[in-house]
Amino acid sequence: MNEEEILRRRLLVDGDGAGDEKKILGIFRDWVKLCTWKYESLEEFKNDEELLKFHLSQAEWNMLKTHLIIGMTSKEEKAYNSLHESIGKKIEELRNDILTAKKRLGKCSDCPETENGVRFNSKTNMPISKSQGRGKATQRNSQAIGRF
């Protein structure tokens, strides 16, 4: 066994790192003591028995809690995976929409007018009417600049 496998097994035994291995060993020691110790009174035996039951109930609770956490984590993982897939599908749809729009834009820039005969300014994306001419405005601006 390599070092990584040893660490993995130790983490499985130790659980969440809260000293579960020590707790299990403590339960084992309490059980051995309960079975082999010569008690002077019944009260001492009952005390040790109650301590063993307490440690066992704590171990059962920790085991149940761990199983609940594992179930919750797997449900969350499934939810995040489905969310990831749906977002990926939406991204692909948007990517295809963008490519389609780029193709349509390329076709529109090649022809001078759209289907209904309206031309658009490529910078402002505003319709250009046939009466709008920039020639006179440009001449007036250059004359005004020349005066200064």
C-alpha atoms as a PDB file:
ATOM      1  CA  MET A   1       0.000   0.000   0.000  1.00  0.00           C
ATOM      2  CA  ASN A   2       1.235   3.422  -0.841  1.00  0.00           C
ATOM      3  CA  GLU A   3       1.054   6.411   1.468  1.00  0.00           C
ATOM      4  CA  GLU A   4      -1.997   7.910  -0.245  1.00  0.00           C
ATOM      5  CA  GLU A   5      -4.044   4.745   0.247  1.00  0.00           C
ATOM      6  CA  ILE A   6      -3.052   4.593   3.917  1.00  0.00           C
ATOM      7  CA  LEU A   7      -4.167   8.190   4.407  1.00  0.00           C
ATOM      8  CA  ARG A   8      -7.456   7.516   2.599  1.00  0.00           C
ATOM      9  CA  ARG A   9      -8.198   4.525   4.848  1.00  0.00           C
ATOM     10  CA  ARG A  10      -7.258   6.492   7.933  1.00  0.00           C
ATOM     11  CA  LEU A  11      -9.637   9.274   6.892  1.00  0.00           C
ATOM     12  CA  LEU A  12     -12.394   6.703   6.381  1.00  0.00           C
ATOM     13  CA  VAL A  13     -11.878   5.423   9.908  1.00  0.00           C
ATOM     14  CA  ASP A  14     -11.392   8.889  11.414  1.00  0.00           C
ATOM     15  CA  GLY A  15     -14.465  10.294   9.628  1.00  0.00           C
ATOM     16  CA  ASP A  16     -14.738  14.046   9.707  1.00  0.00           C
ATOM     17  CA  GLY A  17     -11.516  14.442  11.662  1.00  0.00           C
ATOM     18  CA  ALA A  18     -13.258  14.905  15.000  1.00  0.00           C
ATOM     19  CA  GLY A  19     -11.405  11.986  16.577  1.00  0.00           C
ATOM     20  CA  ASP A  20     -13.886   9.266  15.626  1.00  0.00           C
ATOM     21  CA  GLU A  21     -11.123   6.679  15.707  1.00  0.00           C
ATOM     22  CA  LYS A  22     -10.328   7.573  19.317  1.00  0.00           C
ATOM     23  CA  LYS A  23     -14.023   7.427  20.198  1.00  0.00           C
ATOM     24  CA  ILE A  24     -14.347   3.930  18.716  1.00  0.00           C
ATOM     25  CA  LEU A  25     -11.250   2.784  20.580  1.00  0.00           C
ATOM     26  CA  GLY A  26     -12.691   4.279  23.784  1.00  0.00           C
ATOM     27  CA  ILE A  27     -15.942   2.352  23.275  1.00  0.00           C
ATOM     28  CA  PHE A  28     -13.947  -0.827  22.713  1.00  0.00           C
ATOM     29  CA  ARG A  29     -11.938  -0.255  25.905  1.00  0.00           C
ATOM     30  CA  ASP A  30     -15.128   0.437  27.888  1.00  0.00           C
ATOM     31  CA  TRP A  31     -16.670  -2.769  26.552  1.00  0.00           C
ATOM     32  CA  VAL A  32     -13.569  -4.852  27.395  1.00  0.00           C
ATOM     33  CA  LYS A  33     -13.474  -3.310  30.867  1.00  0.00           C
ATOM     34  CA  LEU A  34     -17.173  -4.035  31.359  1.00  0.00           C
ATOM     35  CA  CYS A  35     -16.686  -7.655  30.330  1.00  0.00           C
ATOM     36  CA  THR A  36     -13.465  -8.416  32.229  1.00  0.00           C
ATOM     37  CA  TRP A  37     -13.336  -6.112  35.277  1.00  0.00           C
ATOM     38  CA  LYS A  38     -14.139  -7.506  38.690  1.00  0.00           C
ATOM     39  CA  TYR A  39     -16.566  -4.961  40.122  1.00  0.00           C
ATOM     40  CA  GLU A  40     -16.922  -4.591  43.881  1.00  0.00           C
ATOM     41  CA  SER A  41     -20.455  -3.261  43.664  1.00  0.00           C
ATOM     42  CA  LEU A  42     -23.360  -3.359  41.249  1.00  0.00           C
ATOM     43  CA  GLU A  43     -23.404   0.447  41.215  1.00  0.00           C
ATOM     44  CA  GLU A  44     -19.906   0.634  39.675  1.00  0.00           C
ATOM     45  CA  PHE A  45     -20.969  -1.851  37.004  1.00  0.00           C
ATOM     46  CA  LYS A  46     -24.139   0.163  36.235  1.00  0.00           C
ATOM     47  CA  ASN A  47     -22.114   3.390  35.976  1.00  0.00           C
ATOM     48  CA  ASP A  48     -19.692   1.844  33.484  1.00  0.00           C
ATOM     49  CA  GLU A  49     -22.601   0.294  31.596  1.00  0.00           C
ATOM     50  CA  GLU A  50     -24.339   3.701  31.332  1.00  0.00           C
ATOM     51  CA  LEU A  51     -21.085   5.286  30.156  1.00  0.00           C
ATOM     52  CA  LEU A  52     -20.741   2.617  27.449  1.00  0.00           C
ATOM     53  CA  LYS A  53     -24.375   3.150  26.352  1.00  0.00           C
ATOM     54  CA  PHE A  54     -23.781   6.902  26.220  1.00  0.00           C
ATOM     55  CA  HIS A  55     -20.677   6.507  24.034  1.00  0.00           C
ATOM     56  CA  LEU A  56     -22.541   4.073  21.746  1.00  0.00           C
ATOM     57  CA  SER A  57     -25.460   6.493  21.346  1.00  0.00           C
ATOM     58  CA  GLN A  58     -23.028   9.289  20.465  1.00  0.00           C
ATOM     59  CA  ALA A  59     -21.363   7.062  17.864  1.00  0.00           C
ATOM     60  CA  GLU A  60     -24.757   6.129  16.380  1.00  0.00           C
ATOM     61  CA  TRP A  61     -25.768   9.792  16.251  1.00  0.00           C
ATOM     62  CA  ASN A  62     -22.516  10.732  14.503  1.00  0.00           C
ATOM     63  CA  MET A  63     -23.018   7.890  12.010  1.00  0.00           C
ATOM     64  CA  LEU A  64     -26.599   9.012  11.285  1.00  0.00           C
ATOM     65  CA  LYS A  65     -25.481  12.622  10.929  1.00  0.00           C
ATOM     66  CA  THR A  66     -22.728  11.590   8.514  1.00  0.00           C
ATOM     67  CA  HIS A  67     -25.177   9.597   6.378  1.00  0.00           C
ATOM     68  CA  LEU A  68     -27.592  12.537   6.283  1.00  0.00           C
ATOM     69  CA  ILE A  69     -24.790  14.876   5.236  1.00  0.00           C
ATOM     70  CA  ILE A  70     -23.702  12.446   2.497  1.00  0.00           C
ATOM     71  CA  GLY A  71     -27.294  12.274   1.200  1.00  0.00           C
ATOM     72  CA  MET A  72     -27.642  16.049   1.247  1.00  0.00           C
ATOM     73  CA  THR A  73     -24.325  16.504  -0.524  1.00  0.00           C
ATOM     74  CA  SER A  74     -25.239  14.041  -3.267  1.00  0.00           C
ATOM     75  CA  LYS A  75     -28.594  15.809  -3.816  1.00  0.00           C
ATOM     76  CA  GLU A  76     -26.816  19.155  -4.047  1.00  0.00           C
ATOM     77  CA  GLU A  77     -24.300  17.688  -6.480  1.00  0.00           C
ATOM     78  CA  LYS A  78     -27.120  16.410  -8.712  1.00  0.00           C
ATOM     79  CA  ALA A  79     -28.847  19.799  -8.578  1.00  0.00           C
ATOM     80  CA  TYR A  80     -25.629  21.624  -9.474  1.00  0.00           C
ATOM     81  CA  ASN A  81     -24.931  19.179 -12.311  1.00  0.00           C
ATOM     82  CA  SER A  82     -28.394  19.737 -13.800  1.00  0.00           C
ATOM     83  CA  LEU A  83     -27.943  23.497 -13.396  1.00  0.00           C
ATOM     84  CA  HIS A  84     -24.552  23.233 -15.112  1.00  0.00           C
ATOM     85  CA  GLU A  85     -26.100  21.312 -18.011  1.00  0.00           C
ATOM     86  CA  SER A  86     -28.965  23.781 -18.433  1.00  0.00           C
ATOM     87  CA  ILE A  87     -26.582  26.744 -18.385  1.00  0.00           C
ATOM     88  CA  GLY A  88     -24.365  24.990 -20.938  1.00  0.00           C
ATOM     89  CA  LYS A  89     -27.364  24.419 -23.219  1.00  0.00           C
ATOM     90  CA  LYS A  90     -28.388  28.074 -22.911  1.00  0.00           C
ATOM     91  CA  ILE A  91     -24.840  29.185 -23.716  1.00  0.00           C
ATOM     92  CA  GLU A  92     -24.847  27.005 -26.838  1.00  0.00           C
ATOM     93  CA  GLU A  93     -28.230  28.418 -27.903  1.00  0.00           C
ATOM     94  CA  LEU A  94     -26.967  31.972 -27.409  1.00  0.00           C
ATOM     95  CA  ARG A  95     -23.757  31.177 -29.279  1.00  0.00           C
ATOM     96  CA  ASN A  96     -25.811  29.876 -32.201  1.00  0.00           C
ATOM     97  CA  ASP A  97     -28.050  32.972 -32.049  1.00  0.00           C
ATOM     98  CA  ILE A  98     -24.988  35.223 -32.140  1.00  0.00           C
ATOM     99  CA  LEU A  99     -23.551  33.368 -35.139  1.00  0.00           C
ATOM    100  CA  THR A 100     -26.896  33.633 -36.939  1.00  0.00           C
ATOM    101  CA  ALA A 101     -27.065  37.355 -36.161  1.00  0.00           C
ATOM    102  CA  LYS A 102     -23.506  37.835 -37.424  1.00  0.00           C
ATOM    103  CA  LYS A 103     -24.398  36.096 -40.683  1.00  0.00           C
ATOM    104  CA  ARG A 104     -27.496  38.244 -41.062  1.00  0.00           C
ATOM    105  CA  LEU A 105     -25.466  41.358 -40.293  1.00  0.00           C
ATOM    106  CA  GLY A 106     -22.907  40.367 -42.914  1.00  0.00           C
ATOM    107  CA  LYS A 107     -25.680  39.983 -45.485  1.00  0.00           C
ATOM    108  CA  CYS A 108     -27.186  43.351 -44.514  1.00  0.00           C
ATOM    109  CA  SER A 109     -23.891  45.204 -44.771  1.00  0.00           C
ATOM    110  CA  ASP A 110     -23.359  43.824 -48.278  1.00  0.00           C
ATOM    111  CA  CYS A 111     -26.620  45.226 -49.614  1.00  0.00           C
ATOM    112  CA  PRO A 112     -27.349  48.955 -49.447  1.00  0.00           C
ATOM    113  CA  GLU A 113     -30.940  48.588 -48.202  1.00  0.00           C
ATOM    114  CA  THR A 114     -32.978  46.242 -46.081  1.00  0.00           C
ATOM    115  CA  GLU A 115     -36.033  44.339 -47.277  1.00  0.00           C
ATOM    116  CA  ASN A 116     -38.388  47.293 -46.779  1.00  0.00           C
ATOM    117  CA  GLY A 117     -36.030  49.744 -48.488  1.00  0.00           C
ATOM    118  CA  VAL A 118     -34.656  51.486 -45.381  1.00  0.00           C
ATOM    119  CA  ARG A 119     -30.916  52.004 -45.021  1.00  0.00           C
ATOM    120  CA  PHE A 120     -29.245  52.080 -41.634  1.00  0.00           C
ATOM    121  CA  ASN A 121     -26.225  53.975 -40.373  1.00  0.00           C
ATOM    122  CA  SER A 122     -23.661  51.313 -39.446  1.00  0.00           C
ATOM    123  CA  LYS A 123     -22.337  53.285 -36.439  1.00  0.00           C
ATOM    124  CA  THR A 124     -25.605  54.389 -34.833  1.00  0.00           C
ATOM    125  CA  ASN A 125     -27.891  51.665 -36.217  1.00  0.00           C
ATOM    126  CA  MET A 126     -30.432  54.436 -36.907  1.00  0.00           C
ATOM    127  CA  PRO A 127     -32.421  54.543 -40.152  1.00  0.00           C
ATOM    128  CA  ILE A 128     -31.164  57.030 -42.710  1.00  0.00           C
ATOM    129  CA  SER A 129     -33.907  58.786 -44.627  1.00  0.00           C
ATOM    130  CA  LYS A 130     -33.292  59.734 -48.225  1.00  0.00           C
ATOM    131  CA  SER A 131     -33.660  63.428 -47.403  1.00  0.00           C
ATOM    132  CA  GLN A 132     -30.865  63.393 -44.870  1.00  0.00           C
ATOM    133  CA  GLY A 133     -27.684  64.448 -46.477  1.00  0.00           C
ATOM    134  CA  ARG A 134     -24.487  65.172 -44.709  1.00  0.00           C
ATOM    135  CA  GLY A 135     -22.888  67.111 -47.500  1.00  0.00           C
ATOM    136  CA  LYS A 136     -24.406  70.515 -46.678  1.00  0.00           C
ATOM    137  CA  ALA A 137     -23.861  70.133 -42.951  1.00  0.00           C
ATOM    138  CA  THR A 138     -20.236  69.199 -43.504  1.00  0.00           C
ATOM    139  CA  GLN A 139     -19.709  72.230 -45.730  1.00  0.00           C
ATOM    140  CA  ARG A 140     -21.237  74.560 -43.145  1.00  0.00           C
ATOM    141  CA  ASN A 141     -19.070  73.066 -40.392  1.00  0.00           C
ATOM    142  CA  SER A 142     -15.887  73.457 -42.415  1.00  0.00           C
ATOM    143  CA  GLN A 143     -16.835  77.078 -43.282  1.00  0.00           C
ATOM    144  CA  ALA A 144     -17.490  77.841 -39.633  1.00  0.00           C
ATOM    145  CA  ILE A 145     -14.164  76.333 -38.612  1.00  0.00           C
ATOM    146  CA  GLY A 146     -12.364  78.281 -41.330  1.00  0.00           C
ATOM    147  CA  ARG A 147     -13.586  81.612 -39.898  1.00  0.00           C
ATOM    148  CA  PHE A 148     -11.782  81.100 -36.626  1.00  0.00           C
END
